[in-house]
Amino acid sequence: MARRRVHHPLPYRRARSLLYVIGLFWLWLWLGSGALVDGLHHSPVHAALAVYAVAVVLLVSIPAALLAVIRMLLTHPRRRAVVMTLPLPRQAPREDAHWWYGGKAS
């Protein structure tokens, strides 16, 4: 018995959002990261830590972007999908929760 493939749009949207964030980071890196390091000229230790942090995030963003692209390709939502409303299951009537806290709760 062949199973149908289930498409969930949430992983696709998360991957797309991650690509947007990485793109904004690269834009900031290209346009404004020099001003960050220049603003730390009073302490060479802070400037070195900032350069190190930017380099680490730069190297981590490359595989993260590749994985996001792969996830977008693998979980691309179908265009001809049909949305069906499912009936709600019958539930037993809910009893009040006052039996465990009594009349003391405000």
N, C-alpha and C. Protein backbone atom coordinates (compact mmCIF):
# COMPACT_ATOMS: atom_id res chain seq x y z
N MET A 1 0.85 -1.16 0.00
CA MET A 1 0.00 0.00 0.00
C MET A 1 0.90 1.24 0.00
N ALA A 2 0.76 2.06 -0.98
CA ALA A 2 1.58 3.27 -1.10
C ALA A 2 0.99 4.38 -0.25
N ARG A 3 1.87 5.04 0.46
CA ARG A 3 1.42 6.16 1.29
C ARG A 3 1.61 7.45 0.51
N ARG A 4 0.66 8.36 0.71
CA ARG A 4 0.79 9.66 0.07
C ARG A 4 1.74 10.53 0.87
N ARG A 5 2.47 11.36 0.19
CA ARG A 5 3.40 12.27 0.85
C ARG A 5 2.63 13.44 1.45
N VAL A 6 2.91 13.76 2.69
CA VAL A 6 2.24 14.85 3.37
C VAL A 6 3.11 16.10 3.28
N HIS A 7 2.52 17.17 2.85
CA HIS A 7 3.25 18.43 2.72
C HIS A 7 2.82 19.37 3.82
N HIS A 8 3.77 19.83 4.60
CA HIS A 8 3.51 20.78 5.65
C HIS A 8 4.16 22.11 5.28
N PRO A 9 3.44 23.21 5.25
CA PRO A 9 4.04 24.48 4.85
C PRO A 9 4.92 25.12 5.91
N LEU A 10 4.82 24.69 7.18
CA LEU A 10 5.56 25.35 8.24
C LEU A 10 7.08 25.21 8.09
N PRO A 11 7.65 24.03 7.82
CA PRO A 11 9.11 23.96 7.63
C PRO A 11 9.58 24.82 6.45
N TYR A 12 8.78 24.90 5.41
CA TYR A 12 9.13 25.75 4.26
C TYR A 12 9.19 27.22 4.69
N ARG A 13 8.21 27.64 5.46
CA ARG A 13 8.18 29.04 5.90
C ARG A 13 9.31 29.35 6.87
N ARG A 14 9.64 28.40 7.75
CA ARG A 14 10.76 28.61 8.66
C ARG A 14 12.07 28.72 7.91
N ALA A 15 12.26 27.88 6.91
CA ALA A 15 13.48 27.95 6.11
C ALA A 15 13.55 29.26 5.34
N ARG A 16 12.42 29.70 4.82
CA ARG A 16 12.40 30.97 4.10
C ARG A 16 12.71 32.14 5.04
N SER A 17 12.17 32.10 6.25
CA SER A 17 12.47 33.14 7.23
C SER A 17 13.94 33.12 7.62
N LEU A 18 14.52 31.94 7.75
CA LEU A 18 15.95 31.85 8.06
C LEU A 18 16.78 32.45 6.94
N LEU A 19 16.39 32.22 5.70
CA LEU A 19 17.13 32.82 4.58
C LEU A 19 17.01 34.34 4.61
N TYR A 20 15.85 34.87 4.98
CA TYR A 20 15.71 36.32 5.10
C TYR A 20 16.63 36.88 6.18
N VAL A 21 16.68 36.20 7.32
CA VAL A 21 17.53 36.67 8.42
C VAL A 21 19.00 36.61 8.02
N ILE A 22 19.40 35.53 7.36
CA ILE A 22 20.79 35.42 6.92
C ILE A 22 21.10 36.48 5.87
N GLY A 23 20.16 36.76 4.99
CA GLY A 23 20.36 37.82 4.01
C GLY A 23 20.51 39.19 4.66
N LEU A 24 19.69 39.46 5.68
CA LEU A 24 19.84 40.73 6.41
C LEU A 24 21.18 40.80 7.12
N PHE A 25 21.64 39.68 7.68
CA PHE A 25 22.94 39.66 8.33
C PHE A 25 24.05 39.95 7.34
N TRP A 26 23.99 39.31 6.17
CA TRP A 26 25.03 39.57 5.17
C TRP A 26 24.98 41.01 4.68
N LEU A 27 23.79 41.59 4.57
CA LEU A 27 23.68 43.00 4.18
C LEU A 27 24.29 43.90 5.25
N TRP A 28 24.00 43.61 6.51
CA TRP A 28 24.61 44.37 7.60
C TRP A 28 26.12 44.19 7.61
N LEU A 29 26.57 42.96 7.35
CA LEU A 29 28.00 42.69 7.32
C LEU A 29 28.68 43.49 6.23
N TRP A 30 28.02 43.62 5.10
CA TRP A 30 28.59 44.34 3.97
C TRP A 30 28.56 45.85 4.20
N LEU A 31 27.49 46.35 4.84
CA LEU A 31 27.33 47.80 4.97
C LEU A 31 27.74 48.37 6.32
N GLY A 32 27.55 47.63 7.42
CA GLY A 32 27.70 48.30 8.70
C GLY A 32 28.59 47.66 9.73
N SER A 33 29.18 46.51 9.44
CA SER A 33 29.97 45.87 10.47
C SER A 33 31.28 46.60 10.74
N GLY A 34 31.78 47.32 9.77
CA GLY A 34 33.00 48.11 9.98
C GLY A 34 32.78 49.21 11.00
N ALA A 35 31.60 49.80 11.01
CA ALA A 35 31.30 50.84 11.99
C ALA A 35 31.24 50.26 13.40
N LEU A 36 30.80 49.01 13.53
CA LEU A 36 30.78 48.36 14.83
C LEU A 36 32.21 48.21 15.38
N VAL A 37 33.10 47.71 14.56
CA VAL A 37 34.49 47.52 15.01
C VAL A 37 35.16 48.87 15.22
N ASP A 38 34.86 49.85 14.38
CA ASP A 38 35.45 51.18 14.54
C ASP A 38 34.97 51.84 15.83
N GLY A 39 33.75 51.54 16.26
CA GLY A 39 33.24 52.11 17.50
C GLY A 39 33.89 51.52 18.74
N LEU A 40 34.60 50.42 18.58
CA LEU A 40 35.27 49.78 19.70
C LEU A 40 36.76 50.09 19.73
N HIS A 41 37.16 51.24 19.21
CA HIS A 41 38.58 51.57 19.11
C HIS A 41 39.23 51.84 20.47
N HIS A 42 38.45 52.10 21.50
CA HIS A 42 39.03 52.39 22.82
C HIS A 42 39.54 51.13 23.50
N SER A 43 39.09 49.95 23.07
CA SER A 43 39.54 48.70 23.68
C SER A 43 39.88 47.70 22.58
N PRO A 44 41.16 47.40 22.40
CA PRO A 44 41.51 46.42 21.36
C PRO A 44 40.99 45.02 21.66
N VAL A 45 40.79 44.70 22.93
CA VAL A 45 40.26 43.37 23.27
C VAL A 45 38.81 43.25 22.81
N HIS A 46 38.02 44.30 23.06
CA HIS A 46 36.62 44.27 22.61
C HIS A 46 36.53 44.24 21.08
N ALA A 47 37.42 44.97 20.41
CA ALA A 47 37.42 44.96 18.95
C ALA A 47 37.78 43.58 18.42
N ALA A 48 38.77 42.93 19.04
CA ALA A 48 39.16 41.59 18.60
C ALA A 48 38.03 40.59 18.84
N LEU A 49 37.35 40.70 19.97
CA LEU A 49 36.22 39.81 20.24
C LEU A 49 35.08 40.04 19.25
N ALA A 50 34.84 41.29 18.89
CA ALA A 50 33.79 41.59 17.92
C ALA A 50 34.13 41.02 16.55
N VAL A 51 35.38 41.16 16.14
CA VAL A 51 35.79 40.61 14.84
C VAL A 51 35.69 39.08 14.87
N TYR A 52 36.09 38.47 15.97
CA TYR A 52 35.99 37.02 16.11
C TYR A 52 34.53 36.56 16.06
N ALA A 53 33.65 37.26 16.76
CA ALA A 53 32.23 36.90 16.77
C ALA A 53 31.62 37.03 15.38
N VAL A 54 31.96 38.10 14.68
CA VAL A 54 31.42 38.29 13.32
C VAL A 54 31.94 37.18 12.40
N ALA A 55 33.21 36.81 12.55
CA ALA A 55 33.76 35.75 11.71
C ALA A 55 33.10 34.40 11.99
N VAL A 56 32.83 34.11 13.25
CA VAL A 56 32.18 32.84 13.59
C VAL A 56 30.76 32.81 13.04
N VAL A 57 30.02 33.88 13.22
CA VAL A 57 28.64 33.92 12.71
C VAL A 57 28.64 33.87 11.18
N LEU A 58 29.62 34.48 10.56
CA LEU A 58 29.75 34.42 9.10
C LEU A 58 29.94 32.97 8.64
N LEU A 59 30.83 32.25 9.31
CA LEU A 59 31.08 30.86 8.91
C LEU A 59 29.91 29.94 9.24
N VAL A 60 29.15 30.24 10.27
CA VAL A 60 27.99 29.42 10.61
C VAL A 60 26.82 29.72 9.66
N SER A 61 26.75 30.95 9.15
CA SER A 61 25.61 31.31 8.30
C SER A 61 25.66 30.63 6.94
N ILE A 62 26.83 30.25 6.47
CA ILE A 62 26.93 29.61 5.15
C ILE A 62 26.26 28.22 5.16
N PRO A 63 26.64 27.30 6.07
CA PRO A 63 25.91 26.02 6.05
C PRO A 63 24.45 26.15 6.47
N ALA A 64 24.14 27.11 7.32
CA ALA A 64 22.73 27.30 7.70
C ALA A 64 21.91 27.72 6.49
N ALA A 65 22.46 28.57 5.65
CA ALA A 65 21.75 28.98 4.43
C ALA A 65 21.60 27.81 3.48
N LEU A 66 22.64 26.99 3.35
CA LEU A 66 22.54 25.83 2.46
C LEU A 66 21.49 24.84 2.96
N LEU A 67 21.46 24.60 4.27
CA LEU A 67 20.44 23.71 4.81
C LEU A 67 19.03 24.28 4.66
N ALA A 68 18.90 25.59 4.78
CA ALA A 68 17.58 26.22 4.58
C ALA A 68 17.13 26.08 3.14
N VAL A 69 18.04 26.23 2.20
CA VAL A 69 17.67 26.06 0.78
C VAL A 69 17.27 24.62 0.50
N ILE A 70 18.02 23.67 1.07
CA ILE A 70 17.67 22.26 0.88
C ILE A 70 16.30 21.97 1.48
N ARG A 71 16.03 22.49 2.67
CA ARG A 71 14.72 22.27 3.29
C ARG A 71 13.60 22.91 2.47
N MET A 72 13.87 24.07 1.89
CA MET A 72 12.84 24.70 1.05
C MET A 72 12.56 23.86 -0.19
N LEU A 73 13.61 23.27 -0.76
CA LEU A 73 13.40 22.44 -1.95
C LEU A 73 12.66 21.15 -1.62
N LEU A 74 12.94 20.58 -0.45
CA LEU A 74 12.30 19.32 -0.09
C LEU A 74 10.89 19.47 0.44
N THR A 75 10.56 20.61 1.00
CA THR A 75 9.23 20.79 1.59
C THR A 75 8.42 21.86 0.88
N HIS A 76 8.64 22.02 -0.41
CA HIS A 76 7.89 23.03 -1.15
C HIS A 76 6.42 22.66 -1.17
N PRO A 77 5.52 23.58 -0.75
CA PRO A 77 4.09 23.24 -0.70
C PRO A 77 3.51 23.10 -2.11
N ARG A 78 2.51 22.25 -2.18
CA ARG A 78 1.84 22.03 -3.47
C ARG A 78 0.97 23.23 -3.81
N ARG A 79 0.85 23.53 -5.07
CA ARG A 79 0.02 24.66 -5.52
C ARG A 79 -1.45 24.25 -5.64
N ARG A 80 -1.72 22.99 -5.92
CA ARG A 80 -3.09 22.54 -6.14
C ARG A 80 -3.65 21.83 -4.93
N ALA A 81 -3.20 22.21 -3.75
CA ALA A 81 -3.67 21.55 -2.53
C ALA A 81 -5.10 21.98 -2.23
N VAL A 82 -5.85 21.08 -1.64
CA VAL A 82 -7.23 21.34 -1.27
C VAL A 82 -7.30 21.40 0.25
N VAL A 83 -7.92 22.44 0.76
CA VAL A 83 -8.09 22.58 2.20
C VAL A 83 -9.44 21.98 2.57
N MET A 84 -9.40 21.02 3.48
CA MET A 84 -10.62 20.36 3.92
C MET A 84 -10.86 20.67 5.38
N THR A 85 -12.10 20.94 5.73
CA THR A 85 -12.44 21.13 7.13
C THR A 85 -12.88 19.78 7.69
N LEU A 86 -12.26 19.39 8.77
CA LEU A 86 -12.59 18.11 9.40
C LEU A 86 -13.59 18.33 10.51
N PRO A 87 -14.49 17.41 10.71
CA PRO A 87 -15.46 17.57 11.80
C PRO A 87 -14.75 17.41 13.15
N LEU A 88 -15.20 18.19 14.12
CA LEU A 88 -14.62 18.10 15.45
C LEU A 88 -15.11 16.83 16.14
N PRO A 89 -14.24 16.14 16.85
CA PRO A 89 -14.70 14.95 17.56
C PRO A 89 -15.58 15.34 18.74
N ARG A 90 -16.53 14.48 19.04
CA ARG A 90 -17.41 14.77 20.16
C ARG A 90 -16.64 14.60 21.46
N GLN A 91 -16.78 15.59 22.31
CA GLN A 91 -16.09 15.55 23.59
C GLN A 91 -17.12 15.45 24.71
N ALA A 92 -16.67 14.84 25.78
CA ALA A 92 -17.54 14.76 26.94
C ALA A 92 -17.69 16.16 27.53
N PRO A 93 -18.82 16.46 28.14
CA PRO A 93 -18.98 17.80 28.73
C PRO A 93 -17.93 18.03 29.81
N ARG A 94 -17.37 19.22 29.80
CA ARG A 94 -16.32 19.56 30.74
C ARG A 94 -16.91 19.88 32.09
N GLU A 95 -16.30 19.36 33.11
CA GLU A 95 -16.75 19.67 34.45
C GLU A 95 -15.94 20.84 34.97
N ASP A 96 -16.51 21.54 35.90
CA ASP A 96 -15.81 22.69 36.46
C ASP A 96 -14.56 22.24 37.21
N ALA A 97 -13.56 23.12 37.22
CA ALA A 97 -12.30 22.78 37.87
C ALA A 97 -12.28 23.25 39.32
N HIS A 98 -13.42 23.66 39.86
CA HIS A 98 -13.42 24.18 41.22
C HIS A 98 -13.24 23.10 42.27
N TRP A 99 -13.33 21.83 41.89
CA TRP A 99 -13.23 20.75 42.86
C TRP A 99 -11.85 20.67 43.50
N TRP A 100 -10.81 21.19 42.84
CA TRP A 100 -9.48 21.05 43.43
C TRP A 100 -8.97 22.33 44.08
N TYR A 101 -9.55 23.47 43.73
CA TYR A 101 -9.09 24.68 44.41
C TYR A 101 -10.15 25.27 45.32
N GLY A 102 -11.36 24.80 45.26
CA GLY A 102 -12.41 25.25 46.15
C GLY A 102 -12.79 26.70 45.88
N GLY A 103 -13.33 27.34 46.87
CA GLY A 103 -13.75 28.72 46.73
C GLY A 103 -12.67 29.71 47.11
N LYS A 104 -11.42 29.25 47.35
CA LYS A 104 -10.36 30.12 47.82
C LYS A 104 -9.71 30.91 46.71
N ALA A 105 -9.87 30.47 45.47
CA ALA A 105 -9.22 31.18 44.36
C ALA A 105 -9.96 32.46 44.05
N SER A 106 -9.23 33.46 43.68
CA SER A 106 -9.87 34.73 43.36
C SER A 106 -10.09 34.86 41.88
